[in-house]
Every structure is written in C-alpha cells, then in structure tokens.
Amino acid sequence: MTSNLLFDFLVDKENNTLTVRREFAAQRQLVWDCYTKSELLEQWFAPSPWKAKTKVMDFREGGHWLYAMCGPEGEEHWGRMDYDKISPIDAYMGMDGFCDENGVINPALPRAPWDVNFTDKAENTVVTIVVTYNSLSDLETVIQMGMKEGLTLCLDQLDALLHSNQGQ
C-alpha cells in the first residue's frame, strides 16, 4: 500500500469515456486473479462497509458475472458483466450494467463496455480500464452516482488485499 503508485481517474466528456489507471505493487497474475475470480472479487469489489456477493461467475468469452453490492442495512444493488473477449492475464472486455437479481438488465440505467488491460511496470502491475458510454448524459449519470468515489474505495481495498497476499 504505497502512496506513490500511479492512480488516474480521467473523465473525457468529448468521447464519453472514463479512463482509470491504477498501479499495484503485485505481480500481474495475482492482480488478474483478483479481477477474474469471484472469491477474490467479493473481497474488494464494493466500497466498505458494503460487500460484494456473486450469484453466477462464468469467466469465459460469452460468460458473465452476476453480482450484488450488499449494504449494511440489507440493500442490494445488482450488476452484470457480460464477457466478450478475454486474453488471459493481459486483458478482457465486457459489457457492464445494472440489473435485477436474475440478471435482467435495467434499461433505465447506463450500460457500457469496459476494456480492462493489465501491464507490467517493473515488479508492479498497472491496470487500465476504459469505460465508454453511449452519451454524455450516461457518463454524467454514473459520475453523479459516485463512480469515482466508489471505484476509488474499491481499488484501495484491492490494494490492501494484494498487500496482504504478498506474504503468502
């Protein structure tokens, strides 16, 4: 958990994109596993005190991850990532969106492709995520919903998880 590691959260309103770059003091395979295995995703993919839970995880091209972010008062916000392209430990692409507990996408909320890339930087790993929204309105909606704050907290939790796994 080193504070001098790269972290960028860039909003491009001309192209309706969010670009998040985060460096982790961990080998790429471990970082990849934390993004692609439900038992590890559940440990960081919800801002504390919320927790993530997986209903279905099928990490393959054509598969999906159906998950909920569960609040301390019993609230559940469901999401679904449909995996389109996977290049093991280098990158994956998928469509992420809000849904119900059965995985039915909520058309009233933005759905967008995520392009997630993993690269080496010396002994560290840099994860670059580019999320492209259909419109400026969709981009502004997720920003207003707290995407930056929530994702920052999640990535901090991932950093702590990776730090704790380094000694194992």
Protein backbone atom coordinates (compact mmCIF):
# COMPACT_ATOMS: atom_id res chain seq x y z
CA MET A 1 0.00 0.00 0.00
CA THR A 2 2.44 2.57 -1.28
CA SER A 3 1.12 6.07 -1.81
CA ASN A 4 3.46 6.83 -4.73
CA LEU A 5 1.79 4.27 -7.00
CA LEU A 6 0.07 5.59 -10.13
CA PHE A 7 -3.64 6.41 -9.87
CA ASP A 8 -5.51 8.36 -12.56
CA PHE A 9 -9.26 8.85 -12.94
CA LEU A 10 -9.83 10.74 -16.17
CA VAL A 11 -13.19 11.94 -17.48
CA ASP A 12 -13.34 12.69 -21.23
CA LYS A 13 -16.68 14.36 -21.93
CA GLU A 14 -15.93 14.70 -25.65
CA ASN A 15 -15.65 10.92 -26.07
CA ASN A 16 -17.97 9.91 -23.19
CA THR A 17 -15.23 7.85 -21.53
CA LEU A 18 -13.80 7.20 -18.12
CA THR A 19 -10.19 6.05 -18.00
CA VAL A 20 -8.91 4.65 -14.75
CA ARG A 21 -5.25 3.74 -14.36
CA ARG A 22 -4.11 2.14 -11.13
CA GLU A 23 -0.74 0.65 -10.28
CA PHE A 24 -0.47 -2.19 -7.79
CA ALA A 25 2.63 -3.50 -6.02
CA ALA A 26 1.91 -7.07 -7.09
CA GLN A 27 2.63 -9.47 -9.92
CA ARG A 28 0.24 -9.43 -12.87
CA GLN A 29 -1.08 -12.98 -12.32
CA LEU A 30 -2.26 -12.12 -8.80
CA VAL A 31 -3.89 -8.86 -9.94
CA TRP A 32 -5.55 -10.71 -12.85
CA ASP A 33 -6.89 -13.32 -10.44
CA CYS A 34 -8.37 -10.59 -8.23
CA TYR A 35 -10.33 -9.28 -11.23
CA THR A 36 -11.43 -12.64 -12.61
CA LYS A 37 -12.14 -14.99 -9.68
CA SER A 38 -15.34 -14.42 -7.73
CA GLU A 39 -13.87 -15.44 -4.36
CA LEU A 40 -11.31 -12.62 -4.74
CA LEU A 41 -13.65 -10.08 -6.40
CA GLU A 42 -16.00 -10.43 -3.44
CA GLN A 43 -13.22 -9.23 -1.13
CA TRP A 44 -12.82 -5.84 -2.82
CA PHE A 45 -15.49 -5.01 -5.43
CA ALA A 46 -17.80 -2.99 -3.17
CA PRO A 47 -16.94 0.13 -1.19
CA SER A 48 -16.79 -0.64 2.54
CA PRO A 49 -18.98 -1.18 4.53
CA TRP A 50 -20.76 -2.69 1.53
CA LYS A 51 -19.86 -6.23 0.43
CA ALA A 52 -19.96 -7.90 -2.97
CA LYS A 53 -21.60 -11.27 -3.46
CA THR A 54 -21.64 -13.45 -6.54
CA LYS A 55 -24.70 -15.28 -7.79
CA VAL A 56 -23.05 -16.54 -11.02
CA MET A 57 -19.45 -16.34 -12.23
CA ASP A 58 -18.64 -17.79 -15.64
CA PHE A 59 -15.39 -16.11 -16.68
CA ARG A 60 -15.12 -17.04 -20.35
CA GLU A 61 -15.95 -15.36 -23.64
CA GLY A 62 -19.75 -15.41 -23.76
CA GLY A 63 -19.97 -15.91 -19.99
CA HIS A 64 -20.97 -13.41 -17.33
CA TRP A 65 -20.61 -12.34 -13.72
CA LEU A 66 -23.89 -11.65 -11.89
CA TYR A 67 -23.18 -9.92 -8.60
CA ALA A 68 -24.70 -7.71 -5.96
CA MET A 69 -23.30 -4.94 -3.84
CA CYS A 70 -24.89 -5.51 -0.45
CA GLY A 71 -25.28 -2.71 2.07
CA PRO A 72 -25.16 -2.88 5.85
CA GLU A 73 -28.94 -2.34 6.03
CA GLY A 74 -29.66 -5.27 3.70
CA GLU A 75 -29.81 -3.21 0.47
CA GLU A 76 -28.79 -4.96 -2.73
CA HIS A 77 -27.72 -3.32 -5.98
CA TRP A 78 -27.26 -5.89 -8.74
CA GLY A 79 -24.83 -5.72 -11.64
CA ARG A 80 -23.92 -7.88 -14.59
CA MET A 81 -20.70 -8.04 -16.58
CA ASP A 82 -21.00 -9.94 -19.87
CA TYR A 83 -17.55 -11.07 -21.04
CA ASP A 84 -16.93 -10.50 -24.77
CA LYS A 85 -13.20 -11.01 -25.19
CA ILE A 86 -10.57 -12.49 -22.86
CA SER A 87 -6.80 -12.56 -23.35
CA PRO A 88 -5.53 -14.27 -20.17
CA ILE A 89 -3.50 -12.20 -17.97
CA ASP A 90 -3.37 -9.34 -20.48
CA ALA A 91 -6.90 -8.01 -20.99
CA TYR A 92 -10.63 -8.59 -21.07
CA MET A 93 -13.58 -6.71 -22.48
CA GLY A 94 -17.16 -6.86 -21.36
CA MET A 95 -20.46 -5.02 -21.06
CA ASP A 96 -21.29 -3.92 -17.54
CA GLY A 97 -24.67 -2.73 -16.40
CA PHE A 98 -27.20 -2.59 -13.62
CA CYS A 99 -29.74 -5.39 -13.45
CA ASP A 100 -32.11 -7.27 -11.19
CA GLU A 101 -31.23 -10.36 -9.14
CA ASN A 102 -31.97 -12.54 -12.17
CA GLY A 103 -29.54 -10.68 -14.42
CA VAL A 104 -32.17 -8.80 -16.43
CA ILE A 105 -30.51 -5.52 -17.47
CA ASN A 106 -32.16 -2.30 -16.24
CA PRO A 107 -32.53 -0.16 -19.40
CA ALA A 108 -33.14 2.98 -17.31
CA LEU A 109 -29.52 3.00 -16.11
CA PRO A 110 -26.34 3.27 -18.20
CA ARG A 111 -24.70 0.12 -19.57
CA ALA A 112 -21.24 0.36 -21.05
CA PRO A 113 -18.32 -1.66 -22.37
CA TRP A 114 -15.30 -1.99 -20.11
CA ASP A 115 -11.89 -2.54 -21.70
CA VAL A 116 -9.57 -3.74 -18.90
CA ASN A 117 -5.83 -4.11 -19.56
CA PHE A 118 -3.07 -5.45 -17.33
CA THR A 119 0.57 -4.46 -17.97
CA ASP A 120 3.85 -4.90 -16.14
CA LYS A 121 5.71 -1.91 -14.72
CA ALA A 122 8.93 -3.32 -13.28
CA GLU A 123 7.73 -5.64 -10.47
CA ASN A 124 4.33 -3.92 -10.32
CA THR A 125 1.16 -4.19 -12.39
CA VAL A 126 -0.79 -1.34 -13.98
CA VAL A 127 -4.49 -1.89 -14.65
CA THR A 128 -6.03 0.44 -17.22
CA ILE A 129 -9.81 0.49 -17.51
CA VAL A 130 -11.56 2.41 -20.28
CA VAL A 131 -15.34 2.64 -19.96
CA THR A 132 -17.15 4.10 -22.98
CA TYR A 133 -20.70 5.38 -22.51
CA ASN A 134 -23.31 5.86 -25.23
CA SER A 135 -23.82 9.51 -24.35
CA LEU A 136 -22.59 12.38 -22.25
CA SER A 137 -25.78 12.01 -20.23
CA ASP A 138 -24.90 8.38 -19.36
CA LEU A 139 -21.37 9.41 -18.38
CA GLU A 140 -22.68 12.22 -16.18
CA THR A 141 -25.22 9.86 -14.59
CA VAL A 142 -22.55 7.44 -13.35
CA ILE A 143 -20.36 10.31 -12.16
CA GLN A 144 -23.31 11.72 -10.18
CA MET A 145 -23.98 8.23 -8.79
CA GLY A 146 -20.50 8.32 -7.23
CA MET A 147 -18.47 6.22 -9.69
CA LYS A 148 -15.17 7.96 -8.86
CA GLU A 149 -15.60 7.77 -5.11
CA GLY A 150 -16.91 4.20 -5.14
CA LEU A 151 -14.27 2.89 -7.53
CA THR A 152 -11.50 4.66 -5.60
CA LEU A 153 -12.62 2.94 -2.38
CA CYS A 154 -12.82 -0.42 -4.17
CA LEU A 155 -9.35 -0.07 -5.65
CA ASP A 156 -7.96 0.88 -2.23
CA GLN A 157 -9.46 -2.35 -0.89
CA LEU A 158 -7.89 -4.27 -3.77
CA ASP A 159 -4.55 -2.66 -2.91
CA ALA A 160 -4.91 -3.83 0.72
CA LEU A 161 -5.92 -7.34 -0.41
CA LEU A 162 -2.92 -7.58 -2.74
CA HIS A 163 -0.64 -6.31 0.03
CA SER A 164 -1.95 -8.99 2.41
CA ASN A 165 -1.49 -11.72 -0.24
CA GLN A 166 2.13 -10.78 -0.97
CA GLY A 167 3.36 -12.60 2.09
CA GLN A 168 1.57 -15.85 1.20
